[in-house]
Structures are given as structure tokens and as C-alpha cells.
Amino acid sequence: MKKSNETRQFIIEKAAPIFNKHGYVGTSMSQLVKAIGMTKGAIYGNFKDKDELAFAALDYNLSKLIWERLEKIKKNEKDANNRIISFVSFNSNDFTDLSNQILKSGGCPMLNGIVDSEFTHEKLKEYIRIAVKKWLESIENIIRDGIEAKQIKEDIDPKYYASLFGSLIEGGQMLHRATGDLIHLEFNIRHVTHIINTQLRA
């Protein structure tokens, strides 16, 4: 990796949790300067403006906390039902560790982005919509693959269940954030697992 690319990546990794915690709109330049340990001029020598850095940080958060995990689950889980359970429960084998990682980095980047951009940043709002749509479609595709592999019942509606599971997980995360109690998310993950085992599994 070139030195300039290394510097850019360093800035993104340092800025990502700051944007996720304080908001992509609300994060100040002084917060970024303090977290990154570089001057404003040095930061903007690698990014044309705050928006470019914010979107790069959002990409990083989504990749680390969602997309990379999905690819790992696809490799490790052969059964579609177990893939869904692992995906929506942040992988049951390391649930607590990953939940702590997500909290430490500021929470779910999709949920944060939705709240942050609703009335303040139309471009960010559209970007988050695309990410949420991709997330739901990922669950739909796992269900479709499971139906094709005869691991999931053929009369199951992938879109309906992807929406249901997504709503339960994001709702659980919202209550987790609001109350500081992980039990709300754990309850919803348990419910998703029950639905999969009693309604989807062939």
C-alpha cells in the first residue's frame, strides 16, 4: 500500500467511530483533529471535504460490522437457517464480544445513519437507504438459497421474513441503546431463532 493510501486509511479508521458516535452531521472538525492526531490541513490533504471523509468512514463501519461478517458467515455456515441466525445475531459464537465492539464503535451504523440524516443530510439519507436495502436483500438471498437447497420450506416469502427479521433486530438495537440493557436485543434474537426453527426450517 502506498504511503498516501496508508495515511488515508489511518484517517478513516480513526474517524469512523467518531462519526458513528457523534453523528455524520454533528461531528466537529475539532473532534476529528483530536481523534486522528493530525492537523485540519493534513486531514484535508487526503479528503476534499468533511463529507468525503464521512462517507469513507461510513463505508468502513458498514464493512467491518456488517459486510465482512456476512462473507465470513457464508464461508463457515453451510445451512441457510444457521446463516440467518448467525447474521442477525452477530454470530452467536461471539455475540457478546461483537456487541461490545459495536457499542464501543458507537452502535449500529445503519441505525445511527438513519436517525442522523432524517432531516439534515439528504445525500447521507439516500446512502443509508441503499445500505439498509442491501442488508435486507442479503437476508432475502439467504432464504432463497435455502429454499433452493431444500433447507427452508418452499412456501416461505423471503421478502416478508427479511423485513420481519430486520425490524426485530434493529428494534432490539434501538431499545438496547435507549436503555443500556442488552436483554432487549437478546430477546429479539431469541424470537428470530424461534421463528426460523419453527416456521422456516424444512
Protein backbone atom coordinates (compact mmCIF):
# COMPACT_ATOMS: atom_id res chain seq x y z
CA MET A 1 0.00 0.00 0.00
CA LYS A 2 1.34 3.45 -0.93
CA LYS A 3 2.15 5.87 1.88
CA SER A 4 -0.67 8.19 0.81
CA ASN A 5 -3.14 5.29 0.86
CA GLU A 6 -1.86 4.19 4.28
CA THR A 7 -2.39 7.70 5.62
CA ARG A 8 -5.87 7.88 4.13
CA GLN A 9 -6.78 4.51 5.65
CA PHE A 10 -5.37 5.57 9.03
CA ILE A 11 -7.56 8.69 8.98
CA ILE A 12 -10.66 6.67 8.06
CA GLU A 13 -10.11 4.13 10.85
CA LYS A 14 -9.61 6.85 13.46
CA ALA A 15 -12.55 8.93 12.21
CA ALA A 16 -15.03 6.04 11.81
CA PRO A 17 -16.02 5.60 15.49
CA ILE A 18 -16.14 9.38 16.00
CA PHE A 19 -18.64 9.86 13.18
CA ASN A 20 -20.63 6.83 14.36
CA LYS A 21 -20.83 8.10 17.95
CA HIS A 22 -21.40 11.81 17.36
CA GLY A 23 -23.21 11.73 14.03
CA TYR A 24 -22.08 12.24 10.47
CA VAL A 25 -23.61 15.70 10.54
CA GLY A 26 -22.82 16.64 14.14
CA THR A 27 -19.16 15.63 14.34
CA SER A 28 -16.95 18.71 14.59
CA MET A 29 -13.58 19.22 12.97
CA SER A 30 -12.00 19.68 16.41
CA GLN A 31 -13.24 16.21 17.42
CA LEU A 32 -11.70 14.71 14.30
CA VAL A 33 -8.39 16.54 14.76
CA LYS A 34 -8.17 15.28 18.36
CA ALA A 35 -9.08 11.67 17.49
CA ILE A 36 -6.89 11.42 14.39
CA GLY A 37 -3.93 13.32 15.83
CA MET A 38 -3.39 15.33 12.66
CA THR A 39 -4.00 18.94 11.73
CA LYS A 40 -7.05 20.02 9.77
CA GLY A 41 -4.81 20.78 6.79
CA ALA A 42 -3.22 17.32 6.90
CA ILE A 43 -6.63 15.65 7.04
CA TYR A 44 -7.98 17.70 4.15
CA GLY A 45 -4.84 16.92 2.21
CA ASN A 46 -6.29 13.42 1.89
CA PHE A 47 -10.02 14.26 1.62
CA LYS A 48 -11.55 17.14 -0.28
CA ASP A 49 -14.08 17.92 2.47
CA LYS A 50 -15.82 16.61 5.58
CA ASP A 51 -18.50 14.83 3.52
CA GLU A 52 -15.94 12.75 1.64
CA LEU A 53 -14.35 11.68 4.93
CA ALA A 54 -17.77 10.99 6.49
CA PHE A 55 -18.82 8.70 3.65
CA ALA A 56 -15.48 6.88 3.72
CA ALA A 57 -15.93 6.38 7.48
CA LEU A 58 -19.48 5.11 6.96
CA ASP A 59 -18.24 2.64 4.34
CA TYR A 60 -15.62 1.44 6.81
CA ASN A 61 -18.17 1.00 9.62
CA LEU A 62 -20.61 -0.87 7.38
CA SER A 63 -17.85 -3.09 6.01
CA LYS A 64 -16.36 -4.02 9.39
CA LEU A 65 -19.60 -4.51 11.30
CA ILE A 66 -21.84 -5.97 8.59
CA TRP A 67 -20.48 -6.94 5.15
CA GLU A 68 -17.23 -8.64 6.20
CA ARG A 69 -19.16 -10.65 8.78
CA LEU A 70 -21.67 -11.73 6.17
CA GLU A 71 -18.93 -13.08 3.91
CA LYS A 72 -17.35 -14.91 6.85
CA ILE A 73 -20.71 -16.47 7.76
CA LYS A 74 -21.30 -17.59 4.16
CA LYS A 75 -17.97 -19.45 4.25
CA ASN A 76 -18.46 -21.02 7.67
CA GLU A 77 -22.18 -21.87 7.69
CA LYS A 78 -23.50 -24.31 5.09
CA ASP A 79 -27.10 -24.37 6.32
CA ALA A 80 -29.22 -21.36 5.28
CA ASN A 81 -31.18 -21.31 8.55
CA ASN A 82 -27.99 -21.13 10.59
CA ARG A 83 -26.63 -18.44 8.26
CA ILE A 84 -29.60 -16.21 9.03
CA ILE A 85 -29.32 -16.83 12.77
CA SER A 86 -25.60 -16.04 12.70
CA PHE A 87 -26.07 -12.96 10.53
CA VAL A 88 -28.85 -11.33 12.57
CA SER A 89 -27.40 -12.33 15.95
CA PHE A 90 -23.89 -11.02 15.17
CA ASN A 91 -22.78 -14.66 15.10
CA SER A 92 -23.99 -16.48 18.21
CA ASN A 93 -20.47 -17.77 18.92
CA ASP A 94 -19.10 -14.31 19.64
CA PHE A 95 -22.31 -12.37 20.30
CA THR A 96 -21.13 -10.59 23.45
CA ASP A 97 -17.71 -9.68 22.02
CA LEU A 98 -19.16 -8.28 18.81
CA SER A 99 -21.96 -6.49 20.65
CA ASN A 100 -19.32 -4.79 22.79
CA GLN A 101 -17.36 -3.95 19.64
CA ILE A 102 -20.45 -2.39 18.07
CA LEU A 103 -21.22 -0.40 21.24
CA LYS A 104 -17.60 0.74 21.52
CA SER A 105 -17.68 2.00 17.94
CA GLY A 106 -20.93 3.88 18.56
CA GLY A 107 -23.64 1.34 17.74
CA CYS A 108 -25.18 0.08 14.52
CA PRO A 109 -24.01 2.37 11.68
CA MET A 110 -27.26 1.87 9.75
CA LEU A 111 -29.48 2.80 12.70
CA ASN A 112 -27.27 5.75 13.58
CA GLY A 113 -27.20 6.94 10.00
CA ILE A 114 -30.99 6.77 9.66
CA VAL A 115 -31.52 8.88 12.79
CA ASP A 116 -28.67 11.25 11.94
CA SER A 117 -29.72 12.00 8.37
CA GLU A 118 -33.52 12.06 8.54
CA PHE A 119 -33.94 15.84 8.40
CA THR A 120 -30.37 17.04 7.93
CA HIS A 121 -28.49 15.37 5.08
CA GLU A 122 -30.37 14.11 2.03
CA LYS A 123 -27.32 12.53 0.38
CA LEU A 124 -26.47 10.58 3.54
CA LYS A 125 -30.11 9.57 3.96
CA GLU A 126 -30.16 8.07 0.46
CA TYR A 127 -26.84 6.33 1.09
CA ILE A 128 -28.22 4.71 4.26
CA ARG A 129 -31.39 3.67 2.42
CA ILE A 130 -29.25 1.81 -0.10
CA ALA A 131 -27.27 0.12 2.72
CA VAL A 132 -30.46 -0.98 4.51
CA LYS A 133 -31.91 -2.28 1.25
CA LYS A 134 -28.70 -4.25 0.61
CA TRP A 135 -28.82 -5.65 4.17
CA LEU A 136 -32.43 -6.81 3.78
CA GLU A 137 -31.71 -8.24 0.32
CA SER A 138 -28.81 -10.20 1.83
CA ILE A 139 -31.26 -11.89 4.22
CA GLU A 140 -33.72 -12.46 1.35
CA ASN A 141 -30.99 -14.10 -0.74
CA ILE A 142 -30.00 -16.43 2.09
CA ILE A 143 -33.65 -17.50 2.38
CA ARG A 144 -33.94 -18.03 -1.39
CA ASP A 145 -30.75 -20.10 -1.40
CA GLY A 146 -32.17 -22.14 1.48
CA ILE A 147 -35.40 -22.80 -0.39
CA GLU A 148 -33.45 -23.90 -3.46
CA ALA A 149 -31.30 -26.20 -1.29
CA LYS A 150 -34.46 -27.58 0.39
CA GLN A 151 -33.22 -26.36 3.77
CA ILE A 152 -36.10 -23.87 4.04
CA LYS A 153 -39.77 -24.57 3.29
CA GLU A 154 -40.68 -23.67 -0.29
CA ASP A 155 -43.83 -21.68 0.61
CA ILE A 156 -41.83 -19.13 2.64
CA ASP A 157 -41.90 -15.50 1.42
CA PRO A 158 -38.26 -14.24 1.53
CA LYS A 159 -39.18 -10.53 1.46
CA TYR A 160 -41.68 -10.87 4.32
CA TYR A 161 -39.28 -12.72 6.61
CA ALA A 162 -36.30 -10.50 5.74
CA SER A 163 -38.39 -7.46 6.68
CA LEU A 164 -39.60 -9.14 9.89
CA PHE A 165 -36.11 -10.18 10.98
CA GLY A 166 -34.62 -6.80 10.07
CA SER A 167 -37.31 -4.97 12.05
CA LEU A 168 -36.80 -7.17 15.11
CA ILE A 169 -33.03 -6.76 15.11
CA GLU A 170 -32.95 -3.00 14.51
CA GLY A 171 -35.78 -2.51 17.03
CA GLY A 172 -33.83 -4.56 19.57
CA GLN A 173 -30.75 -2.45 18.94
CA MET A 174 -32.75 0.75 19.43
CA LEU A 175 -34.06 -0.45 22.83
CA HIS A 176 -30.56 -1.63 23.74
CA ARG A 177 -29.19 1.84 23.01
CA ALA A 178 -32.07 3.61 24.78
CA THR A 179 -31.97 1.55 27.97
CA GLY A 180 -28.38 0.33 28.08
CA ASP A 181 -29.74 -3.18 28.61
CA LEU A 182 -28.68 -5.85 26.13
CA ILE A 183 -31.63 -8.07 27.11
CA HIS A 184 -33.98 -6.39 24.60
CA LEU A 185 -31.73 -7.35 21.69
CA GLU A 186 -31.20 -10.83 23.14
CA PHE A 187 -34.98 -11.34 23.42
CA ASN A 188 -35.46 -10.40 19.76
CA ILE A 189 -32.61 -12.62 18.60
CA ARG A 190 -34.17 -15.48 20.54
CA HIS A 191 -37.50 -14.76 18.83
CA VAL A 192 -35.89 -14.70 15.37
CA THR A 193 -34.22 -18.04 16.14
CA HIS A 194 -37.56 -19.49 17.27
CA ILE A 195 -39.29 -18.32 14.07
CA ILE A 196 -36.55 -19.84 11.92
CA ASN A 197 -36.68 -23.18 13.74
CA THR A 198 -40.49 -23.43 13.79
CA GLN A 199 -41.58 -21.69 10.56
CA LEU A 200 -38.70 -21.72 8.07
CA ARG A 201 -36.64 -24.83 8.67
CA ALA A 202 -37.62 -27.64 6.27
